[in-house]
Each structure stands twice: as structure tokens, then as C-alpha cells.
Amino acid sequence: MGVQMIRVSCPNQRLASEIADRAVETRLAACANIEGPVMSTYRWRGVVEQAWEFLLWLKAPRENFSALEALVTELHPYDVPGIVALDCHQVSAPYADWLKENTDIS
């Protein structure tokens, strides 16, 4: 089982918490962390914009990415939510066991 950290930019803390709760309750992710607010600078429809956002980190098996992407897309108001998965090349054995024990692999 490969482990991923999936980062999602959210427009507010309420949405980040809602996605985190659903991801953990449905066992798609074993854990979620919320950071922020952070200032994001991005280009949208040809215009450079800035916005305060919250960063949601989901810790999950690599196999659950598609299901988590679908969950985020369902709940997220952005036309193009920022969903980025980073593979974890090394994870302690006890943590990997805990993660596997607390998720369902899709």
C-alpha cells in the first residue's frame, strides 16, 4: 500500500472541516490536517488574483485518490479545485499500519 498526502485548497475553514470530516468518516482518509489561513496568488481567466484560503491535508492510501477527488469535487465550490497528491516515499511501519487499519482501500 502506498501512502499519499493530498493537499486541497479551500476558500474557508468550514469547507475544509466538512471535507476532512467526510473523508475520515467514510474511511477514505485516516487523518486530516487544516492549515491557514494562507494567502494564495493565482491566475484565473487571464487575471492575477489573490485570496485567503485554508489548506487541507488528507493522509490516505494511494488507491483512494480517485474516490477522494470525487468527494472534494462534489463538495467544493471552485470550478477547478486545487487537488494535489504527493507520494510519501518513506513512512514509518507503525504509521503505515495505523493508516491501513483506519481506511478502506477503494
PDB file of N, CA and C in Angstrom:
ATOM      1  N   MET A   1       0.845  -1.184   0.000  1.00  0.00           N
ATOM      2  CA  MET A   1       0.000   0.000   0.000  1.00  0.00           C
ATOM      3  C   MET A   1       0.884   1.239   0.000  1.00  0.00           C
ATOM      4  N   GLY A   2       0.677   2.116  -0.965  1.00  0.00           N
ATOM      5  CA  GLY A   2       1.377   3.389  -0.986  1.00  0.00           C
ATOM      6  C   GLY A   2       0.587   4.432  -0.230  1.00  0.00           C
ATOM      7  N   VAL A   3       1.287   5.385   0.364  1.00  0.00           N
ATOM      8  CA  VAL A   3       0.653   6.441   1.144  1.00  0.00           C
ATOM      9  C   VAL A   3       0.812   7.762   0.408  1.00  0.00           C
ATOM     10  N   GLN A   4      -0.255   8.570   0.427  1.00  0.00           N
ATOM     11  CA  GLN A   4      -0.225   9.897  -0.178  1.00  0.00           C
ATOM     12  C   GLN A   4      -0.665  10.945   0.824  1.00  0.00           C
ATOM     13  N   MET A   5      -0.127  12.130   0.634  1.00  0.00           N
ATOM     14  CA  MET A   5      -0.610  13.342   1.295  1.00  0.00           C
ATOM     15  C   MET A   5      -1.322  14.110   0.181  1.00  0.00           C
ATOM     16  N   ILE A   6      -2.611  14.338   0.353  1.00  0.00           N
ATOM     17  CA  ILE A   6      -3.403  15.020  -0.666  1.00  0.00           C
ATOM     18  C   ILE A   6      -3.742  16.408  -0.147  1.00  0.00           C
ATOM     19  N   ARG A   7      -3.310  17.413  -0.893  1.00  0.00           N
ATOM     20  CA  ARG A   7      -3.474  18.820  -0.492  1.00  0.00           C
ATOM     21  C   ARG A   7      -4.627  19.420  -1.269  1.00  0.00           C
ATOM     22  N   VAL A   8      -5.539  20.062  -0.547  1.00  0.00           N
ATOM     23  CA  VAL A   8      -6.710  20.695  -1.165  1.00  0.00           C
ATOM     24  C   VAL A   8      -6.794  22.139  -0.669  1.00  0.00           C
ATOM     25  N   SER A   9      -6.824  23.087  -1.587  1.00  0.00           N
ATOM     26  CA  SER A   9      -7.020  24.497  -1.234  1.00  0.00           C
ATOM     27  C   SER A   9      -8.512  24.742  -1.066  1.00  0.00           C
ATOM     28  N   CYS A  10      -8.894  25.330   0.078  1.00  0.00           N
ATOM     29  CA  CYS A  10     -10.308  25.568   0.377  1.00  0.00           C
ATOM     30  C   CYS A  10     -10.539  27.052   0.640  1.00  0.00           C
ATOM     31  N   PRO A  11     -11.700  27.586   0.231  1.00  0.00           N
ATOM     32  CA  PRO A  11     -11.961  29.009   0.411  1.00  0.00           C
ATOM     33  C   PRO A  11     -12.215  29.419   1.860  1.00  0.00           C
ATOM     34  N   ASN A  12     -12.523  28.440   2.731  1.00  0.00           N
ATOM     35  CA  ASN A  12     -12.770  28.771   4.132  1.00  0.00           C
ATOM     36  C   ASN A  12     -12.562  27.535   5.009  1.00  0.00           C
ATOM     37  N   GLN A  13     -12.462  27.768   6.299  1.00  0.00           N
ATOM     38  CA  GLN A  13     -12.199  26.691   7.248  1.00  0.00           C
ATOM     39  C   GLN A  13     -13.395  25.739   7.361  1.00  0.00           C
ATOM     40  N   ARG A  14     -14.595  26.261   7.234  1.00  0.00           N
ATOM     41  CA  ARG A  14     -15.793  25.428   7.318  1.00  0.00           C
ATOM     42  C   ARG A  14     -15.783  24.335   6.258  1.00  0.00           C
ATOM     43  N   LEU A  15     -15.460  24.706   5.006  1.00  0.00           N
ATOM     44  CA  LEU A  15     -15.424  23.718   3.933  1.00  0.00           C
ATOM     45  C   LEU A  15     -14.296  22.710   4.161  1.00  0.00           C
ATOM     46  N   ALA A  16     -13.128  23.205   4.570  1.00  0.00           N
ATOM     47  CA  ALA A  16     -12.009  22.295   4.838  1.00  0.00           C
ATOM     48  C   ALA A  16     -12.407  21.273   5.907  1.00  0.00           C
ATOM     49  N   SER A  17     -13.093  21.731   6.954  1.00  0.00           N
ATOM     50  CA  SER A  17     -13.542  20.822   8.019  1.00  0.00           C
ATOM     51  C   SER A  17     -14.585  19.837   7.515  1.00  0.00           C
ATOM     52  N   GLU A  18     -15.491  20.304   6.674  1.00  0.00           N
ATOM     53  CA  GLU A  18     -16.528  19.420   6.126  1.00  0.00           C
ATOM     54  C   GLU A  18     -15.915  18.309   5.281  1.00  0.00           C
ATOM     55  N   ILE A  19     -14.976  18.670   4.408  1.00  0.00           N
ATOM     56  CA  ILE A  19     -14.320  17.662   3.578  1.00  0.00           C
ATOM     57  C   ILE A  19     -13.515  16.708   4.461  1.00  0.00           C
ATOM     58  N   ALA A  20     -12.789  17.254   5.438  1.00  0.00           N
ATOM     59  CA  ALA A  20     -11.995  16.426   6.350  1.00  0.00           C
ATOM     60  C   ALA A  20     -12.882  15.419   7.069  1.00  0.00           C
ATOM     61  N   ASP A  21     -13.992  15.903   7.629  1.00  0.00           N
ATOM     62  CA  ASP A  21     -14.901  15.013   8.356  1.00  0.00           C
ATOM     63  C   ASP A  21     -15.433  13.899   7.462  1.00  0.00           C
ATOM     64  N   ARG A  22     -15.879  14.251   6.260  1.00  0.00           N
ATOM     65  CA  ARG A  22     -16.433  13.237   5.345  1.00  0.00           C
ATOM     66  C   ARG A  22     -15.367  12.231   4.924  1.00  0.00           C
ATOM     67  N   ALA A  23     -14.159  12.716   4.655  1.00  0.00           N
ATOM     68  CA  ALA A  23     -13.084  11.824   4.211  1.00  0.00           C
ATOM     69  C   ALA A  23     -12.716  10.815   5.300  1.00  0.00           C
ATOM     70  N   VAL A  24     -12.657  11.273   6.541  1.00  0.00           N
ATOM     71  CA  VAL A  24     -12.301  10.378   7.651  1.00  0.00           C
ATOM     72  C   VAL A  24     -13.485   9.483   8.024  1.00  0.00           C
ATOM     73  N   GLU A  25     -14.696  10.058   8.083  1.00  0.00           N
ATOM     74  CA  GLU A  25     -15.880   9.258   8.420  1.00  0.00           C
ATOM     75  C   GLU A  25     -16.112   8.119   7.433  1.00  0.00           C
ATOM     76  N   THR A  26     -15.848   8.367   6.156  1.00  0.00           N
ATOM     77  CA  THR A  26     -16.057   7.342   5.123  1.00  0.00           C
ATOM     78  C   THR A  26     -14.841   6.436   4.953  1.00  0.00           C
ATOM     79  N   ARG A  27     -13.815   6.661   5.762  1.00  0.00           N
ATOM     80  CA  ARG A  27     -12.595   5.860   5.765  1.00  0.00           C
ATOM     81  C   ARG A  27     -11.798   5.955   4.457  1.00  0.00           C
ATOM     82  N   LEU A  28     -11.972   7.061   3.734  1.00  0.00           N
ATOM     83  CA  LEU A  28     -11.140   7.302   2.550  1.00  0.00           C
ATOM     84  C   LEU A  28      -9.782   7.847   2.962  1.00  0.00           C
ATOM     85  N   ALA A  29      -9.749   8.566   4.082  1.00  0.00           N
ATOM     86  CA  ALA A  29      -8.504   9.092   4.649  1.00  0.00           C
ATOM     87  C   ALA A  29      -8.459   8.705   6.121  1.00  0.00           C
ATOM     88  N   ALA A  30      -7.264   8.482   6.618  1.00  0.00           N
ATOM     89  CA  ALA A  30      -7.111   8.128   8.034  1.00  0.00           C
ATOM     90  C   ALA A  30      -7.022   9.367   8.905  1.00  0.00           C
ATOM     91  N   CYS A  31      -6.586  10.471   8.313  1.00  0.00           N
ATOM     92  CA  CYS A  31      -6.322  11.679   9.089  1.00  0.00           C
ATOM     93  C   CYS A  31      -6.421  12.887   8.170  1.00  0.00           C
ATOM     94  N   ALA A  32      -6.758  14.022   8.765  1.00  0.00           N
ATOM     95  CA  ALA A  32      -6.790  15.278   8.015  1.00  0.00           C
ATOM     96  C   ALA A  32      -6.226  16.387   8.890  1.00  0.00           C
ATOM     97  N   ASN A  33      -5.501  17.298   8.276  1.00  0.00           N
ATOM     98  CA  ASN A  33      -4.973  18.481   8.946  1.00  0.00           C
ATOM     99  C   ASN A  33      -5.426  19.706   8.168  1.00  0.00           C
ATOM    100  N   ILE A  34      -5.720  20.775   8.902  1.00  0.00           N
ATOM    101  CA  ILE A  34      -6.117  22.031   8.273  1.00  0.00           C
ATOM    102  C   ILE A  34      -5.134  23.110   8.712  1.00  0.00           C
ATOM    103  N   GLU A  35      -4.594  23.823   7.736  1.00  0.00           N
ATOM    104  CA  GLU A  35      -3.653  24.917   7.996  1.00  0.00           C
ATOM    105  C   GLU A  35      -4.211  26.198   7.409  1.00  0.00           C
ATOM    106  N   GLY A  36      -3.873  27.294   8.033  1.00  0.00           N
ATOM    107  CA  GLY A  36      -4.256  28.548   7.433  1.00  0.00           C
ATOM    108  C   GLY A  36      -4.812  29.520   8.453  1.00  0.00           C
ATOM    109  N   PRO A  37      -5.191  30.640   7.950  1.00  0.00           N
ATOM    110  CA  PRO A  37      -5.282  30.950   6.531  1.00  0.00           C
ATOM    111  C   PRO A  37      -3.916  31.229   5.902  1.00  0.00           C
ATOM    112  N   VAL A  38      -3.867  31.029   4.591  1.00  0.00           N
ATOM    113  CA  VAL A  38      -2.686  31.335   3.787  1.00  0.00           C
ATOM    114  C   VAL A  38      -3.133  32.225   2.626  1.00  0.00           C
ATOM    115  N   MET A  39      -2.236  33.055   2.153  1.00  0.00           N
ATOM    116  CA  MET A  39      -2.548  33.895   1.009  1.00  0.00           C
ATOM    117  C   MET A  39      -2.123  33.159  -0.258  1.00  0.00           C
ATOM    118  N   SER A  40      -3.055  33.010  -1.187  1.00  0.00           N
ATOM    119  CA  SER A  40      -2.768  32.366  -2.464  1.00  0.00           C
ATOM    120  C   SER A  40      -2.795  33.406  -3.570  1.00  0.00           C
ATOM    121  N   THR A  41      -1.838  33.323  -4.466  1.00  0.00           N
ATOM    122  CA  THR A  41      -1.786  34.155  -5.660  1.00  0.00           C
ATOM    123  C   THR A  41      -1.872  33.219  -6.850  1.00  0.00           C
ATOM    124  N   TYR A  42      -2.768  33.513  -7.784  1.00  0.00           N
ATOM    125  CA  TYR A  42      -3.004  32.603  -8.907  1.00  0.00           C
ATOM    126  C   TYR A  42      -3.568  33.385 -10.091  1.00  0.00           C
ATOM    127  N   ARG A  43      -3.499  32.756 -11.246  1.00  0.00           N
ATOM    128  CA  ARG A  43      -4.074  33.353 -12.453  1.00  0.00           C
ATOM    129  C   ARG A  43      -5.391  32.635 -12.729  1.00  0.00           C
ATOM    130  N   TRP A  44      -6.472  33.397 -12.858  1.00  0.00           N
ATOM    131  CA  TRP A  44      -7.778  32.820 -13.147  1.00  0.00           C
ATOM    132  C   TRP A  44      -8.423  33.617 -14.267  1.00  0.00           C
ATOM    133  N   ARG A  45      -8.672  32.935 -15.385  1.00  0.00           N
ATOM    134  CA  ARG A  45      -9.292  33.554 -16.559  1.00  0.00           C
ATOM    135  C   ARG A  45      -8.535  34.799 -17.007  1.00  0.00           C
ATOM    136  N   GLY A  46      -7.190  34.673 -17.016  1.00  0.00           N
ATOM    137  CA  GLY A  46      -6.338  35.731 -17.521  1.00  0.00           C
ATOM    138  C   GLY A  46      -6.014  36.855 -16.553  1.00  0.00           C
ATOM    139  N   VAL A  47      -6.530  36.773 -15.327  1.00  0.00           N
ATOM    140  CA  VAL A  47      -6.301  37.831 -14.347  1.00  0.00           C
ATOM    141  C   VAL A  47      -5.574  37.245 -13.139  1.00  0.00           C
ATOM    142  N   VAL A  48      -4.544  37.948 -12.672  1.00  0.00           N
ATOM    143  CA  VAL A  48      -3.846  37.528 -11.461  1.00  0.00           C
ATOM    144  C   VAL A  48      -4.680  37.973 -10.270  1.00  0.00           C
ATOM    145  N   GLU A  49      -4.994  37.016  -9.399  1.00  0.00           N
ATOM    146  CA  GLU A  49      -5.833  37.293  -8.240  1.00  0.00           C
ATOM    147  C   GLU A  49      -5.150  36.813  -6.968  1.00  0.00           C
ATOM    148  N   GLN A  50      -5.633  37.287  -5.844  1.00  0.00           N
ATOM    149  CA  GLN A  50      -5.172  36.831  -4.537  1.00  0.00           C
ATOM    150  C   GLN A  50      -6.384  36.543  -3.674  1.00  0.00           C
ATOM    151  N   ALA A  51      -6.254  35.518  -2.822  1.00  0.00           N
ATOM    152  CA  ALA A  51      -7.340  35.171  -1.914  1.00  0.00           C
ATOM    153  C   ALA A  51      -6.776  34.451  -0.697  1.00  0.00           C
ATOM    154  N   TRP A  52      -7.442  34.650   0.431  1.00  0.00           N
ATOM    155  CA  TRP A  52      -7.106  33.877   1.622  1.00  0.00           C
ATOM    156  C   TRP A  52      -7.765  32.514   1.496  1.00  0.00           C
ATOM    157  N   GLU A  53      -7.015  31.463   1.798  1.00  0.00           N
ATOM    158  CA  GLU A  53      -7.531  30.099   1.714  1.00  0.00           C
ATOM    159  C   GLU A  53      -7.039  29.301   2.916  1.00  0.00           C
ATOM    160  N   PHE A  54      -7.625  28.140   3.089  1.00  0.00           N
ATOM    161  CA  PHE A  54      -7.166  27.170   4.073  1.00  0.00           C
ATOM    162  C   PHE A  54      -6.679  25.948   3.317  1.00  0.00           C
ATOM    163  N   LEU A  55      -5.610  25.343   3.822  1.00  0.00           N
ATOM    164  CA  LEU A  55      -5.047  24.145   3.193  1.00  0.00           C
ATOM    165  C   LEU A  55      -5.479  22.921   3.978  1.00  0.00           C
ATOM    166  N   LEU A  56      -6.078  21.992   3.272  1.00  0.00           N
ATOM    167  CA  LEU A  56      -6.495  20.725   3.853  1.00  0.00           C
ATOM    168  C   LEU A  56      -5.527  19.654   3.380  1.00  0.00           C
ATOM    169  N   TRP A  57      -4.987  18.903   4.320  1.00  0.00           N
ATOM    170  CA  TRP A  57      -4.100  17.784   4.019  1.00  0.00           C
ATOM    171  C   TRP A  57      -4.801  16.497   4.424  1.00  0.00           C
ATOM    172  N   LEU A  58      -4.966  15.586   3.484  1.00  0.00           N
ATOM    173  CA  LEU A  58      -5.568  14.285   3.741  1.00  0.00           C
ATOM    174  C   LEU A  58      -4.487  13.220   3.627  1.00  0.00           C
ATOM    175  N   LYS A  59      -4.408  12.333   4.610  1.00  0.00           N
ATOM    176  CA  LYS A  59      -3.426  11.248   4.594  1.00  0.00           C
ATOM    177  C   LYS A  59      -4.182   9.969   4.270  1.00  0.00           C
ATOM    178  N   ALA A  60      -3.820   9.359   3.145  1.00  0.00           N
ATOM    179  CA  ALA A  60      -4.630   8.262   2.632  1.00  0.00           C
ATOM    180  C   ALA A  60      -3.810   7.288   1.794  1.00  0.00           C
ATOM    181  N   PRO A  61      -4.340   6.078   1.596  1.00  0.00           N
ATOM    182  CA  PRO A  61      -3.701   5.160   0.669  1.00  0.00           C
ATOM    183  C   PRO A  61      -3.776   5.725  -0.753  1.00  0.00           C
ATOM    184  N   ARG A  62      -2.752   5.497  -1.537  1.00  0.00           N
ATOM    185  CA  ARG A  62      -2.715   5.956  -2.929  1.00  0.00           C
ATOM    186  C   ARG A  62      -3.966   5.482  -3.684  1.00  0.00           C
ATOM    187  N   GLU A  63      -4.430   4.290  -3.357  1.00  0.00           N
ATOM    188  CA  GLU A  63      -5.573   3.683  -4.052  1.00  0.00           C
ATOM    189  C   GLU A  63      -6.865   4.476  -3.848  1.00  0.00           C
ATOM    190  N   ASN A  64      -6.916   5.346  -2.849  1.00  0.00           N
ATOM    191  CA  ASN A  64      -8.135   6.102  -2.561  1.00  0.00           C
ATOM    192  C   ASN A  64      -8.180   7.473  -3.226  1.00  0.00           C
ATOM    193  N   PHE A  65      -7.163   7.801  -4.022  1.00  0.00           N
ATOM    194  CA  PHE A  65      -7.123   9.140  -4.609  1.00  0.00           C
ATOM    195  C   PHE A  65      -8.373   9.455  -5.431  1.00  0.00           C
ATOM    196  N   SER A  66      -8.782   8.574  -6.322  1.00  0.00           N
ATOM    197  CA  SER A  66      -9.932   8.857  -7.195  1.00  0.00           C
ATOM    198  C   SER A  66     -11.202   9.107  -6.394  1.00  0.00           C
ATOM    199  N   ALA A  67     -11.428   8.306  -5.355  1.00  0.00           N
ATOM    200  CA  ALA A  67     -12.614   8.492  -4.518  1.00  0.00           C
ATOM    201  C   ALA A  67     -12.529   9.810  -3.747  1.00  0.00           C
ATOM    202  N   LEU A  68     -11.343  10.170  -3.263  1.00  0.00           N
ATOM    203  CA  LEU A  68     -11.184  11.454  -2.566  1.00  0.00           C
ATOM    204  C   LEU A  68     -11.346  12.623  -3.526  1.00  0.00           C
ATOM    205  N   GLU A  69     -10.823  12.493  -4.722  1.00  0.00           N
ATOM    206  CA  GLU A  69     -11.000  13.537  -5.734  1.00  0.00           C
ATOM    207  C   GLU A  69     -12.491  13.744  -6.026  1.00  0.00           C
ATOM    208  N   ALA A  70     -13.251  12.663  -6.139  1.00  0.00           N
ATOM    209  CA  ALA A  70     -14.694  12.763  -6.381  1.00  0.00           C
ATOM    210  C   ALA A  70     -15.404  13.436  -5.209  1.00  0.00           C
ATOM    211  N   LEU A  71     -15.016  13.096  -3.982  1.00  0.00           N
ATOM    212  CA  LEU A  71     -15.611  13.704  -2.792  1.00  0.00           C
ATOM    213  C   LEU A  71     -15.347  15.210  -2.764  1.00  0.00           C
ATOM    214  N   VAL A  72     -14.098  15.594  -2.986  1.00  0.00           N
ATOM    215  CA  VAL A  72     -13.747  17.019  -2.978  1.00  0.00           C
ATOM    216  C   VAL A  72     -14.514  17.753  -4.078  1.00  0.00           C
ATOM    217  N   THR A  73     -14.554  17.184  -5.263  1.00  0.00           N
ATOM    218  CA  THR A  73     -15.237  17.822  -6.390  1.00  0.00           C
ATOM    219  C   THR A  73     -16.724  18.004  -6.097  1.00  0.00           C
ATOM    220  N   GLU A  74     -17.328  17.039  -5.418  1.00  0.00           N
ATOM    221  CA  GLU A  74     -18.750  17.111  -5.060  1.00  0.00           C
ATOM    222  C   GLU A  74     -19.031  18.261  -4.081  1.00  0.00           C
ATOM    223  N   LEU A  75     -18.152  18.468  -3.111  1.00  0.00           N
ATOM    224  CA  LEU A  75     -18.402  19.437  -2.045  1.00  0.00           C
ATOM    225  C   LEU A  75     -17.827  20.822  -2.302  1.00  0.00           C
ATOM    226  N   HIS A  76     -16.853  20.926  -3.193  1.00  0.00           N
ATOM    227  CA  HIS A  76     -16.068  22.150  -3.369  1.00  0.00           C
ATOM    228  C   HIS A  76     -16.750  23.131  -4.327  1.00  0.00           C
ATOM    229  N   PRO A  77     -16.756  24.434  -4.004  1.00  0.00           N
ATOM    230  CA  PRO A  77     -17.412  25.413  -4.881  1.00  0.00           C
ATOM    231  C   PRO A  77     -16.564  25.874  -6.073  1.00  0.00           C
ATOM    232  N   TYR A  78     -15.246  25.641  -6.042  1.00  0.00           N
ATOM    233  CA  TYR A  78     -14.398  26.119  -7.141  1.00  0.00           C
ATOM    234  C   TYR A  78     -14.679  25.329  -8.416  1.00  0.00           C
ATOM    235  N   ASP A  79     -14.580  26.008  -9.564  1.00  0.00           N
ATOM    236  CA  ASP A  79     -14.681  25.324 -10.853  1.00  0.00           C
ATOM    237  C   ASP A  79     -13.545  24.324 -11.019  1.00  0.00           C
ATOM    238  N   VAL A  80     -12.373  24.703 -10.527  1.00  0.00           N
ATOM    239  CA  VAL A  80     -11.188  23.850 -10.617  1.00  0.00           C
ATOM    240  C   VAL A  80     -10.532  23.799  -9.242  1.00  0.00           C
ATOM    241  N   PRO A  81     -10.996  22.899  -8.360  1.00  0.00           N
ATOM    242  CA  PRO A  81     -10.369  22.824  -7.036  1.00  0.00           C
ATOM    243  C   PRO A  81      -8.913  22.371  -7.149  1.00  0.00           C
ATOM    244  N   GLY A  82      -8.056  22.943  -6.317  1.00  0.00           N
ATOM    245  CA  GLY A  82      -6.648  22.542  -6.301  1.00  0.00           C
ATOM    246  C   GLY A  82      -6.486  21.272  -5.489  1.00  0.00           C
ATOM    247  N   ILE A  83      -6.398  20.151  -6.164  1.00  0.00           N
ATOM    248  CA  ILE A  83      -6.238  18.839  -5.523  1.00  0.00           C
ATOM    249  C   ILE A  83      -4.906  18.274  -6.009  1.00  0.00           C
ATOM    250  N   VAL A  84      -3.938  18.175  -5.107  1.00  0.00           N
ATOM    251  CA  VAL A  84      -2.595  17.723  -5.486  1.00  0.00           C
ATOM    252  C   VAL A  84      -2.181  16.604  -4.541  1.00  0.00           C
ATOM    253  N   ALA A  85      -1.785  15.469  -5.112  1.00  0.00           N
ATOM    254  CA  ALA A  85      -1.352  14.336  -4.292  1.00  0.00           C
ATOM    255  C   ALA A  85       0.169  14.208  -4.350  1.00  0.00           C
ATOM    256  N   LEU A  86       0.767  14.040  -3.177  1.00  0.00           N
ATOM    257  CA  LEU A  86       2.208  13.836  -3.067  1.00  0.00           C
ATOM    258  C   LEU A  86       2.443  12.435  -2.515  1.00  0.00           C
ATOM    259  N   ASP A  87       3.189  11.631  -3.252  1.00  0.00           N
ATOM    260  CA  ASP A  87       3.519  10.291  -2.762  1.00  0.00           C
ATOM    261  C   ASP A  87       4.529  10.388  -1.628  1.00  0.00           C
ATOM    262  N   CYS A  88       4.289   9.612  -0.596  1.00  0.00           N
ATOM    263  CA  CYS A  88       5.218   9.540   0.529  1.00  0.00           C
ATOM    264  C   CYS A  88       6.173   8.378   0.256  1.00  0.00           C
ATOM    265  N   HIS A  89       7.440   8.685   0.061  1.00  0.00           N
ATOM    266  CA  HIS A  89       8.409   7.649  -0.279  1.00  0.00           C
ATOM    267  C   HIS A  89       8.840   6.828   0.919  1.00  0.00           C
ATOM    268  N   GLN A  90       8.745   7.404   2.089  1.00  0.00           N
ATOM    269  CA  GLN A  90       9.068   6.673   3.307  1.00  0.00           C
ATOM    270  C   GLN A  90       8.048   7.020   4.375  1.00  0.00           C
ATOM    271  N   VAL A  91       7.518   5.987   5.001  1.00  0.00           N
ATOM    272  CA  VAL A  91       6.545   6.138   6.085  1.00  0.00           C
ATOM    273  C   VAL A  91       6.917   5.108   7.133  1.00  0.00           C
ATOM    274  N   SER A  92       6.907   5.509   8.395  1.00  0.00           N
ATOM    275  CA  SER A  92       7.249   4.544   9.438  1.00  0.00           C
ATOM    276  C   SER A  92       6.255   3.391   9.409  1.00  0.00           C
ATOM    277  N   ALA A  93       6.731   2.197   9.698  1.00  0.00           N
ATOM    278  CA  ALA A  93       5.889   0.999   9.652  1.00  0.00           C
ATOM    279  C   ALA A  93       4.679   1.113  10.575  1.00  0.00           C
ATOM    280  N   PRO A  94       4.846   1.574  11.831  1.00  0.00           N
ATOM    281  CA  PRO A  94       3.663   1.695  12.690  1.00  0.00           C
ATOM    282  C   PRO A  94       2.624   2.678  12.126  1.00  0.00           C
ATOM    283  N   TYR A  95       3.087   3.790  11.540  1.00  0.00           N
ATOM    284  CA  TYR A  95       2.149   4.758  10.962  1.00  0.00           C
ATOM    285  C   TYR A  95       1.434   4.154   9.757  1.00  0.00           C
ATOM    286  N   ALA A  96       2.162   3.466   8.897  1.00  0.00           N
ATOM    287  CA  ALA A  96       1.549   2.820   7.731  1.00  0.00           C
ATOM    288  C   ALA A  96       0.507   1.792   8.173  1.00  0.00           C
ATOM    289  N   ASP A  97       0.815   1.037   9.211  1.00  0.00           N
ATOM    290  CA  ASP A  97      -0.148   0.056   9.735  1.00  0.00           C
ATOM    291  C   ASP A  97      -1.396   0.757  10.258  1.00  0.00           C
ATOM    292  N   TRP A  98      -1.204   1.862  10.997  1.00  0.00           N
ATOM    293  CA  TRP A  98      -2.331   2.619  11.531  1.00  0.00           C
ATOM    294  C   TRP A  98      -3.192   3.158  10.398  1.00  0.00           C
ATOM    295  N   LEU A  99      -2.543   3.711   9.370  1.00  0.00           N
ATOM    296  CA  LEU A  99      -3.267   4.269   8.244  1.00  0.00           C
ATOM    297  C   LEU A  99      -4.093   3.184   7.542  1.00  0.00           C
ATOM    298  N   LYS A 100      -3.489   2.038   7.313  1.00  0.00           N
ATOM    299  CA  LYS A 100      -4.190   0.930   6.653  1.00  0.00           C
ATOM    300  C   LYS A 100      -5.377   0.467   7.494  1.00  0.00           C
ATOM    301  N   GLU A 101      -5.178   0.390   8.793  1.00  0.00           N
ATOM    302  CA  GLU A 101      -6.211  -0.069   9.730  1.00  0.00           C
ATOM    303  C   GLU A 101      -7.419   0.884   9.767  1.00  0.00           C
ATOM    304  N   ASN A 102      -7.183   2.161   9.474  1.00  0.00           N
ATOM    305  CA  ASN A 102      -8.226   3.174   9.603  1.00  0.00           C
ATOM    306  C   ASN A 102      -8.779   3.689   8.286  1.00  0.00           C
ATOM    307  N   THR A 103      -8.510   2.970   7.214  1.00  0.00           N
ATOM    308  CA  THR A 103      -9.066   3.345   5.910  1.00  0.00           C
ATOM    309  C   THR A 103      -9.576   2.092   5.205  1.00  0.00           C
ATOM    310  N   ASP A 104     -10.475   2.332   4.261  1.00  0.00           N
ATOM    311  CA  ASP A 104     -10.900   1.285   3.341  1.00  0.00           C
ATOM    312  C   ASP A 104     -10.250   1.621   2.017  1.00  0.00           C
ATOM    313  N   ILE A 105      -9.601   0.663   1.438  1.00  0.00           N
ATOM    314  CA  ILE A 105      -8.968   0.909   0.145  1.00  0.00           C
ATOM    315  C   ILE A 105     -10.014   0.676  -0.929  1.00  0.00           C
ATOM    316  N   SER A 106     -10.207   1.722  -1.775  1.00  0.00           N
ATOM    317  CA  SER A 106     -11.213   1.647  -2.846  1.00  0.00           C
ATOM    318  C   SER A 106     -10.718   0.778  -3.986  1.00  0.00           C
TER     319      SER A 106
END
